[in-house]
Amino acid sequence: MIEHVCNHVENEPCTKKVPIFGSLSHDEFVKIANMIRHVHYQKGQMLIQEGEKSDTLYIIHQGKVKLSKFTVDGKEQILYLMTTGDFFGELNLFNDDEVNNFSVFAIEDIEICQLTKSDMDLIMMENPEISLKLLKAITKRLAHTENLAQNLATKDPEVRIVSMILEFCQKFGTKLRDGTMIHLPITREEIASYVGVTRETISRKFSKFEDLGLITISGTKRIFVKDQLALRAYLE
């Protein structure tokens, strides 16, 4: 981990990438950016450990992270995948006694902008609308967790895998003229953890969808999605 003062003030403040700060003026962006600590993490490094207390809001300036929980026997369940402009650690901003309910790992080399709780308290007092936007973000994440739990509870692995592919289209996909190219942010093993199936099931279902002409697999890191509407039919 390498830490220094945020160096994105003159070009684009880190906060400008985060929707909750969208109503601020440029001067307010710069003011907040001057409060920020800028930290580099290498691929595989832990940013947050489950069960520990934190007083920091983490903003992803560049890169991707995974938020995970672990069972008593060490099995990983990935809860969220986040990328540039996403943020985490927001629950601790509203409750001093809150502890992290997940661990966070860099899945590639990343740049993080950090704001302390005391700075965020000041920002929210001066800009009350940010508090409402934070609450909306928390509500969306609760809905995501509920959907994840519902997907994991279903006995149909195809539903879980299709939901993941469609999610990746939105978060990590590049729209092309005849479809969407996904650059997978995690390994096949991690994908299996995310949707709660075995790696063999992932490979088998990917092959099935490819045989059906819905997707095309390119190596281990890319999936070309030809028809999102046809994939959505699996969810109905």
Protein backbone atom coordinates (compact mmCIF):
# COMPACT_ATOMS: atom_id res chain seq x y z
CA MET A 1 0.00 0.00 0.00
CA ILE A 2 1.36 3.44 -0.98
CA GLU A 3 -0.25 6.57 0.44
CA HIS A 4 0.02 10.20 -0.60
CA VAL A 5 -2.04 13.35 -0.97
CA CYS A 6 -4.62 13.16 -3.75
CA ASN A 7 -3.05 14.37 -6.99
CA HIS A 8 -6.22 14.52 -9.09
CA VAL A 9 -7.40 17.94 -7.96
CA GLU A 10 -6.22 19.92 -10.98
CA ASN A 11 -7.49 17.43 -13.56
CA GLU A 12 -10.52 15.60 -12.22
CA PRO A 13 -11.23 15.35 -8.48
CA CYS A 14 -11.86 11.78 -7.36
CA THR A 15 -15.25 12.79 -5.99
CA LYS A 16 -16.42 13.89 -9.44
CA LYS A 17 -16.67 10.22 -10.44
CA VAL A 18 -19.10 9.44 -7.59
CA PRO A 19 -22.83 10.01 -8.24
CA ILE A 20 -23.60 11.02 -4.63
CA PHE A 21 -21.46 14.15 -5.11
CA GLY A 22 -23.06 15.00 -8.43
CA SER A 23 -24.82 18.17 -7.24
CA LEU A 24 -21.64 19.90 -6.01
CA SER A 25 -20.00 22.85 -7.71
CA HIS A 26 -16.45 22.64 -9.05
CA ASP A 27 -15.16 24.65 -6.08
CA GLU A 28 -16.87 22.21 -3.70
CA PHE A 29 -15.34 19.28 -5.59
CA VAL A 30 -11.90 20.80 -5.18
CA LYS A 31 -12.52 21.55 -1.49
CA ILE A 32 -13.45 17.93 -0.82
CA ALA A 33 -10.59 16.64 -2.96
CA ASN A 34 -8.20 18.54 -0.70
CA MET A 35 -9.47 16.47 2.26
CA ILE A 36 -8.74 13.19 0.50
CA ARG A 37 -5.94 10.73 1.08
CA HIS A 38 -4.89 8.93 -2.09
CA VAL A 39 -3.79 5.31 -1.67
CA HIS A 40 -2.47 2.71 -4.12
CA TYR A 41 -3.10 -0.99 -3.50
CA GLN A 42 -1.64 -3.87 -5.46
CA LYS A 43 -3.64 -6.77 -6.86
CA GLY A 44 -4.56 -9.19 -4.09
CA GLN A 45 -4.09 -6.75 -1.20
CA MET A 46 -6.76 -6.47 1.50
CA LEU A 47 -8.27 -3.01 1.96
CA ILE A 48 -10.77 -3.87 4.70
CA GLN A 49 -11.05 -6.87 7.02
CA GLU A 50 -14.42 -8.19 8.14
CA GLY A 51 -15.15 -7.49 11.81
CA GLU A 52 -12.87 -4.49 12.13
CA LYS A 53 -14.05 -0.93 12.77
CA SER A 54 -13.47 1.76 10.19
CA ASP A 55 -14.04 5.50 9.98
CA THR A 56 -13.34 5.84 6.28
CA LEU A 57 -15.28 6.15 3.04
CA TYR A 58 -13.41 4.47 0.18
CA ILE A 59 -13.85 5.82 -3.36
CA ILE A 60 -12.46 3.80 -6.27
CA HIS A 61 -10.61 6.25 -8.49
CA GLN A 62 -9.34 3.52 -10.80
CA GLY A 63 -9.51 -0.28 -10.71
CA LYS A 64 -11.75 -3.00 -9.28
CA VAL A 65 -12.35 -4.66 -5.91
CA LYS A 66 -14.35 -7.58 -4.56
CA LEU A 67 -16.33 -7.52 -1.32
CA SER A 68 -16.41 -10.96 0.28
CA LYS A 69 -17.53 -12.88 3.34
CA PHE A 70 -15.92 -16.13 4.51
CA THR A 71 -17.49 -19.14 6.18
CA VAL A 72 -15.94 -20.74 9.27
CA ASP A 73 -14.22 -23.27 7.01
CA GLY A 74 -12.70 -20.49 4.88
CA LYS A 75 -15.04 -20.71 1.88
CA GLU A 76 -15.43 -17.37 0.12
CA GLN A 77 -18.74 -15.84 -0.94
CA ILE A 78 -18.28 -12.77 -3.12
CA LEU A 79 -21.04 -10.23 -2.38
CA TYR A 80 -20.19 -7.35 -4.70
CA LEU A 81 -17.79 -6.43 -7.48
CA MET A 82 -17.04 -2.72 -7.67
CA THR A 83 -15.22 -0.57 -10.18
CA THR A 84 -14.21 3.01 -10.93
CA GLY A 85 -16.61 5.52 -9.34
CA ASP A 86 -18.07 3.06 -6.84
CA PHE A 87 -17.59 3.55 -3.11
CA PHE A 88 -17.82 1.45 0.06
CA GLY A 89 -17.54 1.86 3.82
CA GLU A 90 -20.59 4.13 3.92
CA LEU A 91 -22.39 2.30 6.76
CA ASN A 92 -19.69 3.33 9.21
CA LEU A 93 -20.44 6.99 8.45
CA PHE A 94 -23.80 6.75 10.22
CA ASN A 95 -22.89 4.57 13.19
CA ASP A 96 -19.68 4.79 15.19
CA ASP A 97 -20.21 1.27 16.55
CA GLU A 98 -20.62 -0.34 13.13
CA VAL A 99 -17.98 -2.88 12.10
CA ASN A 100 -17.14 -4.02 8.60
CA ASN A 101 -19.46 -6.86 7.60
CA PHE A 102 -17.27 -7.93 4.69
CA SER A 103 -13.64 -8.02 3.60
CA VAL A 104 -12.44 -6.07 0.55
CA PHE A 105 -9.65 -7.17 -1.81
CA ALA A 106 -8.10 -5.52 -4.84
CA ILE A 107 -8.65 -7.72 -7.90
CA GLU A 108 -6.20 -5.58 -9.88
CA ASP A 109 -3.83 -2.73 -9.06
CA ILE A 110 -6.08 0.09 -7.88
CA GLU A 111 -6.13 3.72 -6.79
CA ILE A 112 -8.37 4.58 -3.84
CA CYS A 113 -9.43 7.97 -2.50
CA GLN A 114 -10.27 7.98 1.22
CA LEU A 115 -12.41 10.41 3.23
CA THR A 116 -12.58 10.16 7.02
CA LYS A 117 -15.86 10.12 8.93
CA SER A 118 -15.15 13.55 10.44
CA ASP A 119 -14.63 15.02 6.97
CA MET A 120 -17.76 13.32 5.66
CA ASP A 121 -19.77 14.62 8.64
CA LEU A 122 -18.70 18.14 7.69
CA ILE A 123 -19.48 17.57 4.01
CA MET A 124 -22.95 16.19 4.79
CA MET A 125 -23.73 19.08 7.18
CA GLU A 126 -22.87 21.57 4.45
CA ASN A 127 -24.61 19.51 1.73
CA PRO A 128 -27.60 17.63 3.29
CA GLU A 129 -28.63 16.19 -0.09
CA ILE A 130 -25.54 13.97 0.01
CA SER A 131 -26.96 12.17 3.07
CA LEU A 132 -30.12 11.34 1.12
CA LYS A 133 -28.10 10.07 -1.83
CA LEU A 134 -26.01 7.91 0.51
CA LEU A 135 -29.19 6.40 1.95
CA LYS A 136 -30.45 5.68 -1.58
CA ALA A 137 -27.13 3.97 -2.38
CA ILE A 138 -27.40 1.87 0.78
CA THR A 139 -30.97 0.89 -0.15
CA LYS A 140 -29.82 -0.24 -3.61
CA ARG A 141 -27.10 -2.37 -2.05
CA LEU A 142 -29.58 -3.97 0.31
CA ALA A 143 -31.73 -4.80 -2.72
CA HIS A 144 -28.65 -6.28 -4.44
CA THR A 145 -27.97 -8.45 -1.37
CA GLU A 146 -31.58 -9.63 -1.31
CA ASN A 147 -31.40 -10.50 -5.01
CA LEU A 148 -28.12 -12.33 -4.44
CA ALA A 149 -29.66 -14.32 -1.60
CA GLN A 150 -32.65 -15.17 -3.81
CA ASN A 151 -30.38 -16.28 -6.64
CA LEU A 152 -28.27 -18.43 -4.32
CA ALA A 153 -31.43 -20.01 -2.90
CA THR A 154 -32.69 -21.16 -6.29
CA LYS A 155 -31.81 -24.69 -7.36
CA ASP A 156 -31.30 -23.62 -10.96
CA PRO A 157 -27.65 -22.71 -11.56
CA GLU A 158 -28.49 -21.31 -14.99
CA VAL A 159 -30.53 -18.53 -13.38
CA ARG A 160 -27.59 -17.57 -11.20
CA ILE A 161 -25.12 -17.60 -14.07
CA VAL A 162 -27.38 -15.67 -16.45
CA SER A 163 -28.01 -13.03 -13.77
CA MET A 164 -24.25 -12.66 -13.39
CA ILE A 165 -23.64 -12.35 -17.15
CA LEU A 166 -26.31 -9.65 -17.45
CA GLU A 167 -24.88 -7.82 -14.43
CA PHE A 168 -21.40 -7.96 -15.98
CA CYS A 169 -22.82 -6.58 -19.24
CA GLN A 170 -23.96 -3.48 -17.36
CA LYS A 171 -20.91 -3.01 -15.13
CA PHE A 172 -17.98 -4.29 -17.17
CA GLY A 173 -19.27 -4.60 -20.72
CA THR A 174 -18.35 -2.63 -23.81
CA LYS A 175 -21.23 -2.14 -26.25
CA LEU A 176 -20.39 -3.04 -29.83
CA ARG A 177 -22.52 -2.91 -32.96
CA ASP A 178 -23.62 -6.55 -32.74
CA GLY A 179 -23.47 -7.21 -29.00
CA THR A 180 -21.59 -6.58 -25.75
CA MET A 181 -18.02 -7.59 -24.96
CA ILE A 182 -17.35 -8.40 -21.31
CA HIS A 183 -13.83 -8.32 -19.97
CA LEU A 184 -14.21 -10.61 -16.97
CA PRO A 185 -12.93 -8.90 -13.81
CA ILE A 186 -12.41 -12.14 -11.87
CA THR A 187 -11.23 -15.70 -12.42
CA ARG A 188 -13.47 -18.70 -13.16
CA GLU A 189 -12.91 -19.82 -9.57
CA GLU A 190 -14.10 -16.45 -8.26
CA ILE A 191 -17.05 -16.48 -10.65
CA ALA A 192 -18.05 -19.84 -9.16
CA SER A 193 -17.83 -18.26 -5.70
CA TYR A 194 -19.92 -15.29 -6.77
CA VAL A 195 -22.84 -17.38 -8.03
CA GLY A 196 -22.50 -20.27 -5.56
CA VAL A 197 -21.74 -23.13 -7.96
CA THR A 198 -18.68 -25.18 -8.83
CA ARG A 199 -16.11 -24.11 -11.40
CA GLU A 200 -17.08 -27.16 -13.49
CA THR A 201 -20.69 -25.94 -13.55
CA ILE A 202 -19.56 -22.52 -14.76
CA SER A 203 -17.61 -24.10 -17.63
CA ARG A 204 -20.46 -26.44 -18.53
CA LYS A 205 -23.10 -23.69 -18.59
CA PHE A 206 -20.87 -21.30 -20.51
CA SER A 207 -20.44 -24.04 -23.12
CA LYS A 208 -24.20 -24.58 -23.26
CA PHE A 209 -24.91 -20.88 -23.80
CA GLU A 210 -22.21 -20.82 -26.47
CA ASP A 211 -23.78 -23.83 -28.24
CA LEU A 212 -27.11 -22.01 -28.17
CA GLY A 213 -25.51 -19.04 -29.91
CA LEU A 214 -26.12 -16.65 -27.01
CA ILE A 215 -22.49 -15.97 -26.15
CA THR A 216 -19.01 -16.51 -27.50
CA ILE A 217 -16.13 -17.37 -25.17
CA SER A 218 -12.75 -15.84 -25.99
CA GLY A 219 -9.98 -17.30 -23.84
CA THR A 220 -10.50 -17.11 -20.08
CA LYS A 221 -11.11 -13.38 -19.77
CA ARG A 222 -13.64 -12.36 -22.41
CA ILE A 223 -17.26 -13.18 -23.18
CA PHE A 224 -19.12 -11.72 -26.13
CA VAL A 225 -22.86 -11.52 -25.43
CA LYS A 226 -24.85 -11.63 -28.65
CA ASP A 227 -28.41 -11.38 -27.34
CA GLN A 228 -29.18 -10.00 -23.88
CA LEU A 229 -32.92 -10.30 -24.45
CA ALA A 230 -32.64 -14.03 -25.07
CA LEU A 231 -30.59 -14.39 -21.90
CA ARG A 232 -33.21 -12.47 -19.92
CA ALA A 233 -35.77 -15.07 -20.97
CA TYR A 234 -34.05 -17.47 -18.57
CA LEU A 235 -35.04 -15.22 -15.66
CA GLU A 236 -38.75 -15.25 -16.45
